[in-house]
Structures are given as structure tokens and as C-alpha cells.
N, C-alpha and C. Protein backbone atom coordinates (compact mmCIF):
# COMPACT_ATOMS: atom_id res chain seq x y z
N MET A 1 25.69 -24.29 37.78
CA MET A 1 25.08 -23.34 36.90
C MET A 1 23.58 -23.28 37.20
N LYS A 2 23.04 -22.08 37.29
CA LYS A 2 21.62 -21.91 37.59
C LYS A 2 20.79 -22.01 36.33
N ASN A 3 19.65 -22.66 36.47
CA ASN A 3 18.69 -22.68 35.37
C ASN A 3 17.94 -21.37 35.36
N LYS A 4 17.79 -20.79 34.19
CA LYS A 4 17.03 -19.55 34.08
C LYS A 4 15.56 -19.89 34.08
N LYS A 5 14.80 -19.18 34.87
CA LYS A 5 13.35 -19.38 34.91
C LYS A 5 12.74 -18.57 33.78
N TYR A 6 11.82 -19.18 33.07
CA TYR A 6 11.14 -18.49 31.97
C TYR A 6 9.94 -17.74 32.50
N TRP A 7 9.83 -16.49 32.13
CA TRP A 7 8.67 -15.67 32.48
C TRP A 7 7.91 -15.40 31.20
N PRO A 8 6.68 -15.92 31.09
CA PRO A 8 5.92 -15.74 29.85
C PRO A 8 5.65 -14.27 29.56
N SER A 9 5.65 -13.97 28.30
CA SER A 9 5.34 -12.63 27.84
C SER A 9 3.86 -12.57 27.49
N SER A 10 3.29 -11.40 27.59
CA SER A 10 1.89 -11.25 27.20
C SER A 10 1.73 -11.41 25.69
N ASN A 11 2.85 -11.39 24.96
CA ASN A 11 2.81 -11.58 23.51
C ASN A 11 2.89 -13.05 23.10
N ASP A 12 3.22 -13.93 24.05
CA ASP A 12 3.32 -15.35 23.74
C ASP A 12 1.95 -15.93 23.44
N PRO A 13 1.85 -16.80 22.43
CA PRO A 13 0.59 -17.49 22.18
C PRO A 13 0.26 -18.41 23.35
N VAL A 14 -1.00 -18.68 23.57
CA VAL A 14 -1.42 -19.53 24.70
C VAL A 14 -0.89 -20.95 24.56
N TRP A 15 -0.58 -21.38 23.34
CA TRP A 15 -0.12 -22.74 23.10
C TRP A 15 1.39 -22.90 23.25
N LEU A 16 2.11 -21.81 23.56
CA LEU A 16 3.56 -21.88 23.74
C LEU A 16 3.87 -22.07 25.21
N GLU A 17 4.55 -23.17 25.54
CA GLU A 17 4.88 -23.48 26.92
C GLU A 17 6.37 -23.24 27.16
N GLU A 18 6.68 -22.58 28.24
CA GLU A 18 8.05 -22.31 28.66
C GLU A 18 8.86 -21.60 27.59
N GLY A 19 8.18 -20.89 26.70
CA GLY A 19 8.85 -20.09 25.69
C GLY A 19 9.37 -20.85 24.49
N TYR A 20 9.27 -22.18 24.49
CA TYR A 20 9.82 -22.92 23.35
C TYR A 20 9.06 -24.19 22.98
N ARG A 21 8.23 -24.69 23.84
CA ARG A 21 7.53 -25.95 23.58
C ARG A 21 6.10 -25.67 23.12
N ILE A 22 5.72 -26.28 22.01
CA ILE A 22 4.39 -26.08 21.47
C ILE A 22 3.47 -27.18 21.98
N ASN A 23 2.39 -26.78 22.63
CA ASN A 23 1.37 -27.72 23.07
C ASN A 23 0.43 -27.90 21.88
N GLU A 24 0.58 -29.03 21.17
CA GLU A 24 -0.20 -29.24 19.94
C GLU A 24 -1.70 -29.23 20.18
N SER A 25 -2.12 -29.80 21.29
CA SER A 25 -3.55 -29.85 21.59
C SER A 25 -4.12 -28.44 21.73
N VAL A 26 -3.44 -27.59 22.49
CA VAL A 26 -3.91 -26.21 22.68
C VAL A 26 -3.80 -25.44 21.38
N PHE A 27 -2.71 -25.68 20.61
CA PHE A 27 -2.57 -25.02 19.32
C PHE A 27 -3.77 -25.35 18.42
N CYS A 28 -4.11 -26.63 18.35
CA CYS A 28 -5.21 -27.06 17.48
C CYS A 28 -6.54 -26.47 17.91
N GLU A 29 -6.80 -26.47 19.22
CA GLU A 29 -8.05 -25.87 19.71
C GLU A 29 -8.12 -24.40 19.35
N THR A 30 -7.01 -23.69 19.55
CA THR A 30 -6.96 -22.27 19.25
C THR A 30 -7.10 -22.03 17.75
N PHE A 31 -6.38 -22.82 16.96
CA PHE A 31 -6.42 -22.66 15.50
C PHE A 31 -7.83 -22.88 14.96
N ILE A 32 -8.46 -23.95 15.40
CA ILE A 32 -9.81 -24.26 14.93
C ILE A 32 -10.79 -23.16 15.30
N SER A 33 -10.68 -22.63 16.51
CA SER A 33 -11.63 -21.60 16.92
C SER A 33 -11.35 -20.26 16.24
N THR A 34 -10.08 -19.89 16.06
CA THR A 34 -9.78 -18.59 15.45
C THR A 34 -9.97 -18.60 13.94
N HIS A 35 -9.85 -19.76 13.33
CA HIS A 35 -10.01 -19.85 11.87
C HIS A 35 -11.38 -20.40 11.47
N LYS A 36 -12.22 -20.63 12.44
CA LYS A 36 -13.58 -21.09 12.22
C LYS A 36 -13.61 -22.32 11.30
N ILE A 37 -12.92 -23.36 11.75
CA ILE A 37 -12.85 -24.63 11.02
C ILE A 37 -13.54 -25.69 11.86
N VAL A 38 -14.28 -26.57 11.20
CA VAL A 38 -14.87 -27.72 11.89
C VAL A 38 -14.45 -28.98 11.14
N PHE A 39 -14.45 -30.08 11.85
CA PHE A 39 -14.12 -31.37 11.26
C PHE A 39 -15.34 -32.26 11.41
N CYS A 40 -15.86 -32.76 10.29
CA CYS A 40 -17.07 -33.57 10.31
C CYS A 40 -17.01 -34.61 9.21
N ASN A 41 -17.34 -35.85 9.55
CA ASN A 41 -17.38 -36.95 8.58
C ASN A 41 -16.09 -37.08 7.77
N GLY A 42 -14.95 -36.84 8.44
CA GLY A 42 -13.66 -37.04 7.78
C GLY A 42 -13.16 -35.86 6.97
N PHE A 43 -13.84 -34.72 7.02
CA PHE A 43 -13.43 -33.56 6.23
C PHE A 43 -13.43 -32.30 7.08
N PHE A 44 -12.57 -31.35 6.69
CA PHE A 44 -12.57 -30.03 7.29
C PHE A 44 -13.56 -29.16 6.52
N PHE A 45 -14.23 -28.27 7.26
CA PHE A 45 -15.14 -27.31 6.65
C PHE A 45 -14.84 -25.93 7.18
N THR A 46 -14.92 -24.93 6.31
CA THR A 46 -14.81 -23.53 6.71
C THR A 46 -16.14 -22.86 6.37
N GLU A 47 -16.19 -21.56 6.57
CA GLU A 47 -17.40 -20.82 6.21
C GLU A 47 -17.68 -20.92 4.71
N ASP A 48 -16.62 -21.19 3.93
CA ASP A 48 -16.75 -21.29 2.47
C ASP A 48 -17.14 -22.68 2.01
N GLY A 49 -17.23 -23.64 2.92
CA GLY A 49 -17.59 -25.00 2.55
C GLY A 49 -16.48 -25.99 2.85
N ARG A 50 -16.56 -27.15 2.22
CA ARG A 50 -15.60 -28.24 2.46
C ARG A 50 -14.21 -27.88 1.93
N VAL A 51 -13.19 -28.19 2.73
CA VAL A 51 -11.81 -27.97 2.33
C VAL A 51 -11.38 -29.18 1.50
N THR A 52 -11.15 -28.96 0.21
CA THR A 52 -10.74 -30.06 -0.66
C THR A 52 -9.23 -30.08 -0.88
N ASP A 53 -8.58 -28.94 -0.72
CA ASP A 53 -7.13 -28.83 -0.85
C ASP A 53 -6.57 -28.36 0.49
N GLU A 54 -5.83 -29.23 1.18
CA GLU A 54 -5.31 -28.89 2.50
C GLU A 54 -4.03 -28.07 2.46
N MET A 55 -3.44 -27.83 1.28
CA MET A 55 -2.19 -27.06 1.23
C MET A 55 -2.34 -25.65 1.79
N PRO A 56 -3.38 -24.90 1.47
CA PRO A 56 -3.52 -23.58 2.10
C PRO A 56 -3.63 -23.68 3.63
N LEU A 57 -4.31 -24.72 4.11
CA LEU A 57 -4.42 -24.94 5.55
C LEU A 57 -3.04 -25.22 6.14
N ARG A 58 -2.27 -26.08 5.49
CA ARG A 58 -0.92 -26.39 5.95
C ARG A 58 -0.03 -25.14 5.92
N SER A 59 -0.19 -24.30 4.90
CA SER A 59 0.60 -23.07 4.79
C SER A 59 0.27 -22.11 5.93
N THR A 60 -1.00 -22.02 6.28
CA THR A 60 -1.41 -21.15 7.38
C THR A 60 -0.85 -21.67 8.70
N ILE A 61 -0.89 -22.97 8.91
CA ILE A 61 -0.33 -23.57 10.12
C ILE A 61 1.17 -23.30 10.18
N TYR A 62 1.86 -23.50 9.06
CA TYR A 62 3.29 -23.25 9.00
C TYR A 62 3.60 -21.79 9.37
N ALA A 63 2.85 -20.86 8.81
CA ALA A 63 3.08 -19.44 9.07
C ALA A 63 2.92 -19.12 10.56
N GLU A 64 1.98 -19.77 11.21
CA GLU A 64 1.76 -19.51 12.64
C GLU A 64 2.83 -20.14 13.52
N LEU A 65 3.39 -21.26 13.08
CA LEU A 65 4.36 -21.99 13.91
C LEU A 65 5.81 -21.64 13.64
N LYS A 66 6.13 -21.12 12.48
CA LYS A 66 7.53 -20.99 12.06
C LYS A 66 8.39 -20.14 13.00
N ASP A 67 7.83 -19.15 13.65
CA ASP A 67 8.62 -18.32 14.55
C ASP A 67 8.83 -18.95 15.93
N TYR A 68 8.13 -20.04 16.20
CA TYR A 68 8.20 -20.65 17.52
C TYR A 68 8.83 -22.03 17.53
N ALA A 69 8.80 -22.71 16.42
CA ALA A 69 9.37 -24.06 16.35
C ALA A 69 10.76 -23.97 15.75
N SER A 70 11.64 -24.82 16.23
CA SER A 70 13.01 -24.74 15.75
C SER A 70 13.44 -25.90 14.87
N ASN A 71 12.72 -27.00 14.90
CA ASN A 71 13.16 -28.18 14.16
C ASN A 71 12.12 -28.67 13.17
N ASN A 72 12.48 -28.69 11.90
CA ASN A 72 11.71 -29.37 10.86
C ASN A 72 10.25 -28.94 10.76
N VAL A 73 9.96 -27.67 10.93
CA VAL A 73 8.57 -27.21 10.90
C VAL A 73 7.93 -27.50 9.56
N ALA A 74 8.60 -27.14 8.48
CA ALA A 74 8.01 -27.34 7.15
C ALA A 74 7.76 -28.82 6.88
N ARG A 75 8.71 -29.67 7.27
CA ARG A 75 8.54 -31.10 7.04
C ARG A 75 7.38 -31.66 7.87
N LYS A 76 7.29 -31.24 9.14
CA LYS A 76 6.22 -31.75 10.00
C LYS A 76 4.85 -31.29 9.53
N VAL A 77 4.73 -30.04 9.14
CA VAL A 77 3.44 -29.52 8.68
C VAL A 77 3.08 -30.11 7.32
N GLY A 78 4.08 -30.38 6.49
CA GLY A 78 3.84 -30.86 5.15
C GLY A 78 3.66 -32.36 5.01
N ARG A 79 3.88 -33.11 6.07
CA ARG A 79 3.73 -34.57 5.99
C ARG A 79 2.33 -34.93 5.57
N GLN A 80 2.21 -35.96 4.78
CA GLN A 80 0.91 -36.39 4.28
C GLN A 80 0.00 -36.92 5.38
N HIS A 81 0.55 -37.65 6.34
CA HIS A 81 -0.31 -38.35 7.29
C HIS A 81 -0.05 -38.00 8.75
N SER A 82 0.64 -36.89 9.01
CA SER A 82 0.77 -36.46 10.40
C SER A 82 1.17 -34.99 10.43
N GLY A 83 1.47 -34.51 11.61
CA GLY A 83 1.77 -33.10 11.78
C GLY A 83 0.53 -32.36 12.22
N PRO A 84 0.63 -31.05 12.43
CA PRO A 84 -0.50 -30.29 12.94
C PRO A 84 -1.76 -30.36 12.11
N ALA A 85 -1.67 -30.41 10.80
CA ALA A 85 -2.89 -30.51 9.99
C ALA A 85 -3.63 -31.80 10.29
N GLU A 86 -2.87 -32.87 10.46
CA GLU A 86 -3.47 -34.16 10.83
C GLU A 86 -3.96 -34.12 12.27
N THR A 87 -3.23 -33.42 13.12
CA THR A 87 -3.58 -33.34 14.53
C THR A 87 -4.90 -32.61 14.73
N LEU A 88 -5.25 -31.72 13.81
CA LEU A 88 -6.52 -31.01 13.91
C LEU A 88 -7.70 -31.99 13.85
N ARG A 89 -7.46 -33.14 13.22
CA ARG A 89 -8.52 -34.15 13.13
C ARG A 89 -8.69 -34.81 14.49
N PRO A 90 -9.91 -35.03 14.92
CA PRO A 90 -10.13 -35.75 16.17
C PRO A 90 -9.47 -37.12 16.11
N GLY A 91 -8.73 -37.46 17.15
CA GLY A 91 -8.04 -38.73 17.20
C GLY A 91 -6.76 -38.73 16.40
N GLY A 92 -6.37 -37.56 15.84
CA GLY A 92 -5.17 -37.45 15.01
C GLY A 92 -3.91 -37.40 15.78
């Protein structure tokens, strides 16, 4: 049986590899730059100031990933101490 070669679409996000694998590092870099978020002294900051409630941030991450991830997206994004929201932190 032949393996089908994946040809990226111009509609694919830059962080999507081979049409199904999410490169978390690239996703985080892209997310931080497009949403204008910085991480400093243990906290996220937006143009509106310090992020004190991370649930809206987690919801935004979930919305961006849900069409591309197939397994446990809500659980991974919603975890208290890991997942993409935690990965946005340097060293996360």
C-alpha cells in the first residue's frame, strides 16, 4: 500500500505539520504575536493589562485548535498546569 504524500494548503496554519500534527512551539509563537500577549515576571499581559483570569485565553486557544486537533483538545487546553496555555510560558 502506498503512503499518500501530504501537500500543504495555503489555508493551513503555519503551525500545522503534515496536515494533522500541531507544532506547539510554532503555535505559541504565532499565538503570542497575533494576540499581542507578553509573558513577564510570571504573568501574561495584553494591551489591556495583566491577565488575571486565564479562562478566556484558554477558550481562545481551544477555538483555534479545535478544527485541527483530534484528541482531547478541551482537556489539554483546560488542564491547570499544562497544555498550550502553559506552553505559552517560557520554559513551559
